[in-house]
Amino acid sequence: MRAGLAALAGIAVALAACGPVSVEQAERECLERARGTVHPRGTVALGGSTTGAVARVDLDVSSDFLAGRDPSAVYEGCVIRKTGLAPRQPLYMIPDWKG
């Protein structure tokens, strides 16, 4: 009996995690996705140790960038998919948007 209740509680938690998010949260997440349409992002790290030089490169290239998608369309579509609602303001009006 207890195992069954624990399983039902686990399923309920998992389903709740799949539900829609707030418009504010979706806008934050989708802003990052829109930034990925403008240019690849990444980091370069150089250093040294007693065993020699060390270098690391991380590069993130989104499929939206490769497809040449419009950042505004990506942003708006992303928010709508996550919430079922349109963004509160267009991408170009967001203060920290540097597109």
PDB file of N, CA and C in Angstrom:
ATOM      1  N   MET A   1       0.817  -1.193   0.000  1.00  0.00           N
ATOM      2  CA  MET A   1       0.000   0.000   0.000  1.00  0.00           C
ATOM      3  C   MET A   1       0.868   1.267   0.000  1.00  0.00           C
ATOM      4  N   ARG A   2       1.861   1.290   0.885  1.00  0.00           N
ATOM      5  CA  ARG A   2       2.739   2.466   0.960  1.00  0.00           C
ATOM      6  C   ARG A   2       3.558   2.634  -0.305  1.00  0.00           C
ATOM      7  N   ALA A   3       3.999   1.538  -0.870  1.00  0.00           N
ATOM      8  CA  ALA A   3       4.781   1.602  -2.106  1.00  0.00           C
ATOM      9  C   ALA A   3       3.937   2.183  -3.228  1.00  0.00           C
ATOM     10  N   GLY A   4       2.667   1.826  -3.277  1.00  0.00           N
ATOM     11  CA  GLY A   4       1.766   2.361  -4.291  1.00  0.00           C
ATOM     12  C   GLY A   4       1.551   3.849  -4.123  1.00  0.00           C
ATOM     13  N   LEU A   5       1.395   4.302  -2.880  1.00  0.00           N
ATOM     14  CA  LEU A   5       1.223   5.731  -2.621  1.00  0.00           C
ATOM     15  C   LEU A   5       2.490   6.506  -2.968  1.00  0.00           C
ATOM     16  N   ALA A   6       3.634   5.929  -2.655  1.00  0.00           N
ATOM     17  CA  ALA A   6       4.898   6.586  -2.986  1.00  0.00           C
ATOM     18  C   ALA A   6       5.067   6.702  -4.495  1.00  0.00           C
ATOM     19  N   ALA A   7       4.663   5.671  -5.219  1.00  0.00           N
ATOM     20  CA  ALA A   7       4.761   5.705  -6.683  1.00  0.00           C
ATOM     21  C   ALA A   7       3.828   6.769  -7.255  1.00  0.00           C
ATOM     22  N   LEU A   8       2.602   6.859  -6.724  1.00  0.00           N
ATOM     23  CA  LEU A   8       1.660   7.885  -7.187  1.00  0.00           C
ATOM     24  C   LEU A   8       2.174   9.290  -6.886  1.00  0.00           C
ATOM     25  N   ALA A   9       2.771   9.478  -5.719  1.00  0.00           N
ATOM     26  CA  ALA A   9       3.324  10.784  -5.374  1.00  0.00           C
ATOM     27  C   ALA A   9       4.461  11.145  -6.326  1.00  0.00           C
ATOM     28  N   GLY A  10       5.303  10.174  -6.670  1.00  0.00           N
ATOM     29  CA  GLY A  10       6.402  10.416  -7.610  1.00  0.00           C
ATOM     30  C   GLY A  10       5.893  10.797  -8.985  1.00  0.00           C
ATOM     31  N   ILE A  11       4.854  10.126  -9.427  1.00  0.00           N
ATOM     32  CA  ILE A  11       4.265  10.442 -10.734  1.00  0.00           C
ATOM     33  C   ILE A  11       3.669  11.843 -10.725  1.00  0.00           C
ATOM     34  N   ALA A  12       2.996  12.209  -9.643  1.00  0.00           N
ATOM     35  CA  ALA A  12       2.392  13.541  -9.548  1.00  0.00           C
ATOM     36  C   ALA A  12       3.458  14.631  -9.610  1.00  0.00           C
ATOM     37  N   VAL A  13       4.571  14.418  -8.924  1.00  0.00           N
ATOM     38  CA  VAL A  13       5.660  15.397  -8.949  1.00  0.00           C
ATOM     39  C   VAL A  13       6.244  15.511 -10.349  1.00  0.00           C
ATOM     40  N   ALA A  14       6.437  14.382 -11.011  1.00  0.00           N
ATOM     41  CA  ALA A  14       6.995  14.394 -12.367  1.00  0.00           C
ATOM     42  C   ALA A  14       6.059  15.108 -13.336  1.00  0.00           C
ATOM     43  N   LEU A  15       4.772  14.877 -13.224  1.00  0.00           N
ATOM     44  CA  LEU A  15       3.818  15.546 -14.111  1.00  0.00           C
ATOM     45  C   LEU A  15       3.750  17.037 -13.837  1.00  0.00           C
ATOM     46  N   ALA A  16       3.856  17.433 -12.587  1.00  0.00           N
ATOM     47  CA  ALA A  16       3.834  18.860 -12.257  1.00  0.00           C
ATOM     48  C   ALA A  16       5.032  19.572 -12.863  1.00  0.00           C
ATOM     49  N   ALA A  17       6.167  18.898 -12.961  1.00  0.00           N
ATOM     50  CA  ALA A  17       7.366  19.500 -13.542  1.00  0.00           C
ATOM     51  C   ALA A  17       7.208  19.729 -15.037  1.00  0.00           C
ATOM     52  N   CYS A  18       6.300  19.005 -15.672  1.00  0.00           N
ATOM     53  CA  CYS A  18       6.086  19.139 -17.115  1.00  0.00           C
ATOM     54  C   CYS A  18       5.093  20.238 -17.457  1.00  0.00           C
ATOM     55  N   GLY A  19       4.461  20.822 -16.465  1.00  0.00           N
ATOM     56  CA  GLY A  19       3.414  21.816 -16.703  1.00  0.00           C
ATOM     57  C   GLY A  19       3.969  23.119 -17.234  1.00  0.00           C
ATOM     58  N   PRO A  20       3.064  24.029 -17.617  1.00  0.00           N
ATOM     59  CA  PRO A  20       3.498  25.315 -18.149  1.00  0.00           C
ATOM     60  C   PRO A  20       4.239  26.137 -17.090  1.00  0.00           C
ATOM     61  N   VAL A  21       5.093  26.995 -17.551  1.00  0.00           N
ATOM     62  CA  VAL A  21       5.856  27.869 -16.662  1.00  0.00           C
ATOM     63  C   VAL A  21       5.262  29.269 -16.739  1.00  0.00           C
ATOM     64  N   SER A  22       5.678  30.143 -15.845  1.00  0.00           N
ATOM     65  CA  SER A  22       5.186  31.521 -15.880  1.00  0.00           C
ATOM     66  C   SER A  22       5.741  32.229 -17.118  1.00  0.00           C
ATOM     67  N   VAL A  23       5.052  33.265 -17.542  1.00  0.00           N
ATOM     68  CA  VAL A  23       5.504  34.031 -18.705  1.00  0.00           C
ATOM     69  C   VAL A  23       6.875  34.638 -18.423  1.00  0.00           C
ATOM     70  N   GLU A  24       7.089  35.118 -17.201  1.00  0.00           N
ATOM     71  CA  GLU A  24       8.371  35.730 -16.840  1.00  0.00           C
ATOM     72  C   GLU A  24       9.518  34.734 -16.976  1.00  0.00           C
ATOM     73  N   GLN A  25       9.306  33.512 -16.466  1.00  0.00           N
ATOM     74  CA  GLN A  25      10.358  32.496 -16.559  1.00  0.00           C
ATOM     75  C   GLN A  25      10.593  32.103 -18.012  1.00  0.00           C
ATOM     76  N   ALA A  26       9.519  31.936 -18.758  1.00  0.00           N
ATOM     77  CA  ALA A  26       9.655  31.570 -20.176  1.00  0.00           C
ATOM     78  C   ALA A  26      10.400  32.659 -20.937  1.00  0.00           C
ATOM     79  N   GLU A  27      10.121  33.913 -20.648  1.00  0.00           N
ATOM     80  CA  GLU A  27      10.815  35.013 -21.337  1.00  0.00           C
ATOM     81  C   GLU A  27      12.308  34.977 -21.052  1.00  0.00           C
ATOM     82  N   ARG A  28      12.682  34.688 -19.808  1.00  0.00           N
ATOM     83  CA  ARG A  28      14.115  34.600 -19.474  1.00  0.00           C
ATOM     84  C   ARG A  28      14.782  33.465 -20.237  1.00  0.00           C
ATOM     85  N   GLU A  29      14.140  32.290 -20.230  1.00  0.00           N
ATOM     86  CA  GLU A  29      14.716  31.130 -20.906  1.00  0.00           C
ATOM     87  C   GLU A  29      14.771  31.350 -22.419  1.00  0.00           C
ATOM     88  N   CYS A  30      13.728  31.931 -22.964  1.00  0.00           N
ATOM     89  CA  CYS A  30      13.649  32.116 -24.412  1.00  0.00           C
ATOM     90  C   CYS A  30      14.569  33.242 -24.886  1.00  0.00           C
ATOM     91  N   LEU A  31      14.877  34.194 -24.017  1.00  0.00           N
ATOM     92  CA  LEU A  31      15.837  35.238 -24.362  1.00  0.00           C
ATOM     93  C   LEU A  31      17.203  34.611 -24.627  1.00  0.00           C
ATOM     94  N   GLU A  32      17.580  33.635 -23.805  1.00  0.00           N
ATOM     95  CA  GLU A  32      18.851  32.938 -24.024  1.00  0.00           C
ATOM     96  C   GLU A  32      18.834  32.175 -25.343  1.00  0.00           C
ATOM     97  N   ARG A  33      17.708  31.573 -25.653  1.00  0.00           N
ATOM     98  CA  ARG A  33      17.611  30.854 -26.931  1.00  0.00           C
ATOM     99  C   ARG A  33      17.714  31.827 -28.091  1.00  0.00           C
ATOM    100  N   ALA A  34      17.080  32.994 -27.983  1.00  0.00           N
ATOM    101  CA  ALA A  34      17.156  33.999 -29.051  1.00  0.00           C
ATOM    102  C   ALA A  34      18.591  34.493 -29.226  1.00  0.00           C
ATOM    103  N   ARG A  35      19.331  34.626 -28.134  1.00  0.00           N
ATOM    104  CA  ARG A  35      20.733  35.049 -28.235  1.00  0.00           C
ATOM    105  C   ARG A  35      21.549  34.048 -29.042  1.00  0.00           C
ATOM    106  N   GLY A  36      21.178  32.776 -28.954  1.00  0.00           N
ATOM    107  CA  GLY A  36      21.883  31.740 -29.691  1.00  0.00           C
ATOM    108  C   GLY A  36      21.671  31.815 -31.194  1.00  0.00           C
ATOM    109  N   THR A  37      20.669  32.569 -31.646  1.00  0.00           N
ATOM    110  CA  THR A  37      20.420  32.696 -33.083  1.00  0.00           C
ATOM    111  C   THR A  37      21.328  33.729 -33.729  1.00  0.00           C
ATOM    112  N   VAL A  38      21.914  34.608 -32.916  1.00  0.00           N
ATOM    113  CA  VAL A  38      22.699  35.730 -33.448  1.00  0.00           C
ATOM    114  C   VAL A  38      24.128  35.321 -33.766  1.00  0.00           C
ATOM    115  N   HIS A  39      24.749  34.577 -32.887  1.00  0.00           N
ATOM    116  CA  HIS A  39      26.142  34.157 -33.098  1.00  0.00           C
ATOM    117  C   HIS A  39      26.469  32.996 -32.181  1.00  0.00           C
ATOM    118  N   PRO A  40      27.472  32.211 -32.528  1.00  0.00           N
ATOM    119  CA  PRO A  40      27.901  31.136 -31.625  1.00  0.00           C
ATOM    120  C   PRO A  40      28.463  31.730 -30.338  1.00  0.00           C
ATOM    121  N   ARG A  41      28.359  30.974 -29.262  1.00  0.00           N
ATOM    122  CA  ARG A  41      28.908  31.419 -27.983  1.00  0.00           C
ATOM    123  C   ARG A  41      29.915  30.396 -27.505  1.00  0.00           C
ATOM    124  N   GLY A  42      30.858  30.843 -26.701  1.00  0.00           N
ATOM    125  CA  GLY A  42      31.828  29.906 -26.188  1.00  0.00           C
ATOM    126  C   GLY A  42      32.838  30.563 -25.286  1.00  0.00           C
ATOM    127  N   THR A  43      33.782  29.738 -24.821  1.00  0.00           N
ATOM    128  CA  THR A  43      34.846  30.217 -23.954  1.00  0.00           C
ATOM    129  C   THR A  43      36.165  29.598 -24.391  1.00  0.00           C
ATOM    130  N   VAL A  44      37.228  30.317 -24.091  1.00  0.00           N
ATOM    131  CA  VAL A  44      38.577  29.817 -24.322  1.00  0.00           C
ATOM    132  C   VAL A  44      39.331  29.978 -23.011  1.00  0.00           C
ATOM    133  N   ALA A  45      39.976  28.916 -22.579  1.00  0.00           N
ATOM    134  CA  ALA A  45      40.758  28.960 -21.348  1.00  0.00           C
ATOM    135  C   ALA A  45      42.182  28.512 -21.645  1.00  0.00           C
ATOM    136  N   LEU A  46      43.137  29.318 -21.221  1.00  0.00           N
ATOM    137  CA  LEU A  46      44.560  28.997 -21.388  1.00  0.00           C
ATOM    138  C   LEU A  46      45.224  29.032 -20.030  1.00  0.00           C
ATOM    139  N   GLY A  47      46.126  28.136 -19.804  1.00  0.00           N
ATOM    140  CA  GLY A  47      46.819  28.120 -18.524  1.00  0.00           C
ATOM    141  C   GLY A  47      48.064  27.273 -18.605  1.00  0.00           C
ATOM    142  N   GLY A  48      48.679  27.153 -17.472  1.00  0.00           N
ATOM    143  CA  GLY A  48      49.890  26.350 -17.409  1.00  0.00           C
ATOM    144  C   GLY A  48      49.971  25.633 -16.081  1.00  0.00           C
ATOM    145  N   SER A  49      50.723  24.573 -16.073  1.00  0.00           N
ATOM    146  CA  SER A  49      50.933  23.821 -14.849  1.00  0.00           C
ATOM    147  C   SER A  49      52.344  23.264 -14.876  1.00  0.00           C
ATOM    148  N   THR A  50      52.678  22.526 -13.886  1.00  0.00           N
ATOM    149  CA  THR A  50      54.015  21.944 -13.827  1.00  0.00           C
ATOM    150  C   THR A  50      54.220  20.900 -14.912  1.00  0.00           C
ATOM    151  N   THR A  51      53.124  20.398 -15.478  1.00  0.00           N
ATOM    152  CA  THR A  51      53.253  19.396 -16.533  1.00  0.00           C
ATOM    153  C   THR A  51      53.189  20.003 -17.937  1.00  0.00           C
ATOM    154  N   GLY A  52      52.977  21.316 -18.030  1.00  0.00           N
ATOM    155  CA  GLY A  52      52.954  21.957 -19.334  1.00  0.00           C
ATOM    156  C   GLY A  52      51.757  22.864 -19.528  1.00  0.00           C
ATOM    157  N   ALA A  53      51.581  23.298 -20.759  1.00  0.00           N
ATOM    158  CA  ALA A  53      50.497  24.219 -21.092  1.00  0.00           C
ATOM    159  C   ALA A  53      49.159  23.470 -21.147  1.00  0.00           C
ATOM    160  N   VAL A  54      48.104  24.204 -20.809  1.00  0.00           N
ATOM    161  CA  VAL A  54      46.759  23.646 -20.828  1.00  0.00           C
ATOM    162  C   VAL A  54      45.867  24.610 -21.606  1.00  0.00           C
ATOM    163  N   ALA A  55      45.059  24.078 -22.505  1.00  0.00           N
ATOM    164  CA  ALA A  55      44.128  24.902 -23.267  1.00  0.00           C
ATOM    165  C   ALA A  55      42.787  24.175 -23.350  1.00  0.00           C
ATOM    166  N   ARG A  56      41.717  24.960 -23.301  1.00  0.00           N
ATOM    167  CA  ARG A  56      40.378  24.385 -23.424  1.00  0.00           C
ATOM    168  C   ARG A  56      39.497  25.346 -24.203  1.00  0.00           C
ATOM    169  N   VAL A  57      38.727  24.806 -25.133  1.00  0.00           N
ATOM    170  CA  VAL A  57      37.791  25.604 -25.926  1.00  0.00           C
ATOM    171  C   VAL A  57      36.420  24.946 -25.857  1.00  0.00           C
ATOM    172  N   ASP A  58      35.407  25.730 -25.489  1.00  0.00           N
ATOM    173  CA  ASP A  58      34.020  25.268 -25.497  1.00  0.00           C
ATOM    174  C   ASP A  58      33.254  26.155 -26.463  1.00  0.00           C
ATOM    175  N   LEU A  59      32.592  25.565 -27.427  1.00  0.00           N
ATOM    176  CA  LEU A  59      31.856  26.316 -28.434  1.00  0.00           C
ATOM    177  C   LEU A  59      30.429  25.791 -28.497  1.00  0.00           C
ATOM    178  N   ASP A  60      29.464  26.711 -28.439  1.00  0.00           N
ATOM    179  CA  ASP A  60      28.048  26.366 -28.499  1.00  0.00           C
ATOM    180  C   ASP A  60      27.440  27.014 -29.736  1.00  0.00           C
ATOM    181  N   VAL A  61      27.037  26.187 -30.687  1.00  0.00           N
ATOM    182  CA  VAL A  61      26.416  26.682 -31.919  1.00  0.00           C
ATOM    183  C   VAL A  61      25.010  26.099 -31.972  1.00  0.00           C
ATOM    184  N   SER A  62      24.003  26.969 -31.958  1.00  0.00           N
ATOM    185  CA  SER A  62      22.630  26.468 -31.944  1.00  0.00           C
ATOM    186  C   SER A  62      22.135  26.141 -33.349  1.00  0.00           C
ATOM    187  N   SER A  63      21.171  25.262 -33.411  1.00  0.00           N
ATOM    188  CA  SER A  63      20.564  24.919 -34.700  1.00  0.00           C
ATOM    189  C   SER A  63      19.815  26.123 -35.268  1.00  0.00           C
ATOM    190  N   ASP A  64      19.313  26.999 -34.396  1.00  0.00           N
ATOM    191  CA  ASP A  64      18.644  28.225 -34.861  1.00  0.00           C
ATOM    192  C   ASP A  64      19.632  29.136 -35.593  1.00  0.00           C
ATOM    193  N   PHE A  65      20.860  29.202 -35.096  1.00  0.00           N
ATOM    194  CA  PHE A  65      21.891  30.001 -35.751  1.00  0.00           C
ATOM    195  C   PHE A  65      22.234  29.405 -37.117  1.00  0.00           C
ATOM    196  N   LEU A  66      22.430  28.093 -37.141  1.00  0.00           N
ATOM    197  CA  LEU A  66      22.796  27.423 -38.393  1.00  0.00           C
ATOM    198  C   LEU A  66      21.687  27.557 -39.444  1.00  0.00           C
ATOM    199  N   ALA A  67      20.438  27.574 -39.004  1.00  0.00           N
ATOM    200  CA  ALA A  67      19.313  27.690 -39.935  1.00  0.00           C
ATOM    201  C   ALA A  67      19.028  29.139 -40.316  1.00  0.00           C
ATOM    202  N   GLY A  68      19.698  30.096 -39.665  1.00  0.00           N
ATOM    203  CA  GLY A  68      19.485  31.517 -39.971  1.00  0.00           C
ATOM    204  C   GLY A  68      18.130  32.028 -39.534  1.00  0.00           C
ATOM    205  N   ARG A  69      17.597  31.487 -38.446  1.00  0.00           N
ATOM    206  CA  ARG A  69      16.272  31.901 -37.973  1.00  0.00           C
ATOM    207  C   ARG A  69      16.303  33.306 -37.388  1.00  0.00           C
ATOM    208  N   ASP A  70      15.162  33.982 -37.495  1.00  0.00           N
ATOM    209  CA  ASP A  70      14.982  35.323 -36.957  1.00  0.00           C
ATOM    210  C   ASP A  70      14.895  35.250 -35.430  1.00  0.00           C
ATOM    211  N   PRO A  71      15.733  36.007 -34.702  1.00  0.00           N
ATOM    212  CA  PRO A  71      15.715  35.954 -33.237  1.00  0.00           C
ATOM    213  C   PRO A  71      14.345  36.297 -32.641  1.00  0.00           C
ATOM    214  N   SER A  72      13.645  37.265 -33.220  1.00  0.00           N
ATOM    215  CA  SER A  72      12.328  37.641 -32.690  1.00  0.00           C
ATOM    216  C   SER A  72      11.326  36.507 -32.841  1.00  0.00           C
ATOM    217  N   ALA A  73      11.351  35.823 -33.966  1.00  0.00           N
ATOM    218  CA  ALA A  73      10.433  34.708 -34.197  1.00  0.00           C
ATOM    219  C   ALA A  73      10.757  33.541 -33.264  1.00  0.00           C
ATOM    220  N   VAL A  74      12.032  33.282 -33.037  1.00  0.00           N
ATOM    221  CA  VAL A  74      12.452  32.215 -32.132  1.00  0.00           C
ATOM    222  C   VAL A  74      11.981  32.535 -30.717  1.00  0.00           C
ATOM    223  N   TYR A  75      12.180  33.777 -30.282  1.00  0.00           N
ATOM    224  CA  TYR A  75      11.789  34.214 -28.945  1.00  0.00           C
ATOM    225  C   TYR A  75      10.279  34.081 -28.749  1.00  0.00           C
ATOM    226  N   GLU A  76       9.511  34.631 -29.663  1.00  0.00           N
ATOM    227  CA  GLU A  76       8.057  34.620 -29.529  1.00  0.00           C
ATOM    228  C   GLU A  76       7.510  33.187 -29.565  1.00  0.00           C
ATOM    229  N   GLY A  77       7.987  32.383 -30.503  1.00  0.00           N
ATOM    230  CA  GLY A  77       7.533  31.001 -30.594  1.00  0.00           C
ATOM    231  C   GLY A  77       7.871  30.191 -29.358  1.00  0.00           C
ATOM    232  N   CYS A  78       9.046  30.435 -28.810  1.00  0.00           N
ATOM    233  CA  CYS A  78       9.486  29.733 -27.608  1.00  0.00           C
ATOM    234  C   CYS A  78       8.580  30.059 -26.424  1.00  0.00           C
ATOM    235  N   VAL A  79       8.286  31.350 -26.223  1.00  0.00           N
ATOM    236  CA  VAL A  79       7.415  31.753 -25.104  1.00  0.00           C
ATOM    237  C   VAL A  79       6.025  31.153 -25.279  1.00  0.00           C
ATOM    238  N   ILE A  80       5.504  31.189 -26.481  1.00  0.00           N
ATOM    239  CA  ILE A  80       4.162  30.638 -26.732  1.00  0.00           C
ATOM    240  C   ILE A  80       4.137  29.135 -26.462  1.00  0.00           C
ATOM    241  N   ARG A  81       5.168  28.407 -26.894  1.00  0.00           N
ATOM    242  CA  ARG A  81       5.220  26.960 -26.652  1.00  0.00           C
ATOM    243  C   ARG A  81       5.278  26.647 -25.160  1.00  0.00           C
ATOM    244  N   LYS A  82       6.011  27.447 -24.405  1.00  0.00           N
ATOM    245  CA  LYS A  82       6.181  27.165 -22.978  1.00  0.00           C
ATOM    246  C   LYS A  82       4.978  27.574 -22.138  1.00  0.00           C
ATOM    247  N   THR A  83       4.240  28.596 -22.559  1.00  0.00           N
ATOM    248  CA  THR A  83       3.178  29.138 -21.714  1.00  0.00           C
ATOM    249  C   THR A  83       1.790  29.127 -22.343  1.00  0.00           C
ATOM    250  N   GLY A  84       1.739  29.090 -23.661  1.00  0.00           N
ATOM    251  CA  GLY A  84       0.458  29.246 -24.338  1.00  0.00           C
ATOM    252  C   GLY A  84       0.062  30.701 -24.493  1.00  0.00           C
ATOM    253  N   LEU A  85       0.937  31.601 -24.049  1.00  0.00           N
ATOM    254  CA  LEU A  85       0.682  33.042 -24.110  1.00  0.00           C
ATOM    255  C   LEU A  85       1.787  33.737 -24.886  1.00  0.00           C
ATOM    256  N   ALA A  86       1.454  34.885 -25.444  1.00  0.00           N
ATOM    257  CA  ALA A  86       2.463  35.692 -26.136  1.00  0.00           C
ATOM    258  C   ALA A  86       3.360  36.388 -25.115  1.00  0.00           C
ATOM    259  N   PRO A  87       4.589  36.747 -25.503  1.00  0.00           N
ATOM    260  CA  PRO A  87       5.459  37.502 -24.591  1.00  0.00           C
ATOM    261  C   PRO A  87       4.812  38.835 -24.212  1.00  0.00           C
ATOM    262  N   ARG A  88       5.191  39.363 -23.048  1.00  0.00           N
ATOM    263  CA  ARG A  88       4.646  40.644 -22.595  1.00  0.00           C
ATOM    264  C   ARG A  88       5.159  41.803 -23.440  1.00  0.00           C
ATOM    265  N   GLN A  89       6.338  41.669 -24.004  1.00  0.00           N
ATOM    266  CA  GLN A  89       6.887  42.713 -24.875  1.00  0.00           C
ATOM    267  C   GLN A  89       7.744  42.068 -25.956  1.00  0.00           C
ATOM    268  N   PRO A  90       7.847  42.721 -27.115  1.00  0.00           N
ATOM    269  CA  PRO A  90       8.664  42.146 -28.192  1.00  0.00           C
ATOM    270  C   PRO A  90      10.145  42.137 -27.813  1.00  0.00           C
ATOM    271  N   LEU A  91      10.880  41.287 -28.488  1.00  0.00           N
ATOM    272  CA  LEU A  91      12.298  41.100 -28.197  1.00  0.00           C
ATOM    273  C   LEU A  91      13.089  42.398 -28.275  1.00  0.00           C
ATOM    274  N   TYR A  92      12.849  43.202 -29.300  1.00  0.00           N
ATOM    275  CA  TYR A  92      13.654  44.416 -29.482  1.00  0.00           C
ATOM    276  C   TYR A  92      13.440  45.433 -28.369  1.00  0.00           C
ATOM    277  N   MET A  93      12.384  45.295 -27.562  1.00  0.00           N
ATOM    278  CA  MET A  93      12.126  46.237 -26.478  1.00  0.00           C
ATOM    279  C   MET A  93      12.704  45.793 -25.142  1.00  0.00           C
ATOM    280  N   ILE A  94      13.291  44.610 -25.095  1.00  0.00           N
ATOM    281  CA  ILE A  94      13.888  44.116 -23.857  1.00  0.00           C
ATOM    282  C   ILE A  94      15.205  44.838 -23.649  1.00  0.00           C
ATOM    283  N   PRO A  95      15.383  45.497 -22.483  1.00  0.00           N
ATOM    284  CA  PRO A  95      16.568  46.340 -22.251  1.00  0.00           C
ATOM    285  C   PRO A  95      17.907  45.633 -22.451  1.00  0.00           C
ATOM    286  N   ASP A  96      18.025  44.375 -22.013  1.00  0.00           N
ATOM    287  CA  ASP A  96      19.339  43.720 -22.134  1.00  0.00           C
ATOM    288  C   ASP A  96      19.482  42.903 -23.418  1.00  0.00           C
ATOM    289  N   TRP A  97      18.595  43.101 -24.393  1.00  0.00           N
ATOM    290  CA  TRP A  97      18.731  42.423 -25.697  1.00  0.00           C
ATOM    291  C   TRP A  97      19.786  43.129 -26.510  1.00  0.00           C
ATOM    292  N   LYS A  98      20.773  42.381 -26.934  1.00  0.00           N
ATOM    293  CA  LYS A  98      21.824  42.933 -27.798  1.00  0.00           C
ATOM    294  C   LYS A  98      21.871  42.065 -29.027  1.00  0.00           C
ATOM    295  N   GLY A  99      20.964  42.297 -29.937  1.00  0.00           N
ATOM    296  CA  GLY A  99      20.862  41.455 -31.117  1.00  0.00           C
ATOM    297  C   GLY A  99      21.515  41.975 -32.292  1.00  0.00           C
TER     298      GLY A  99
END
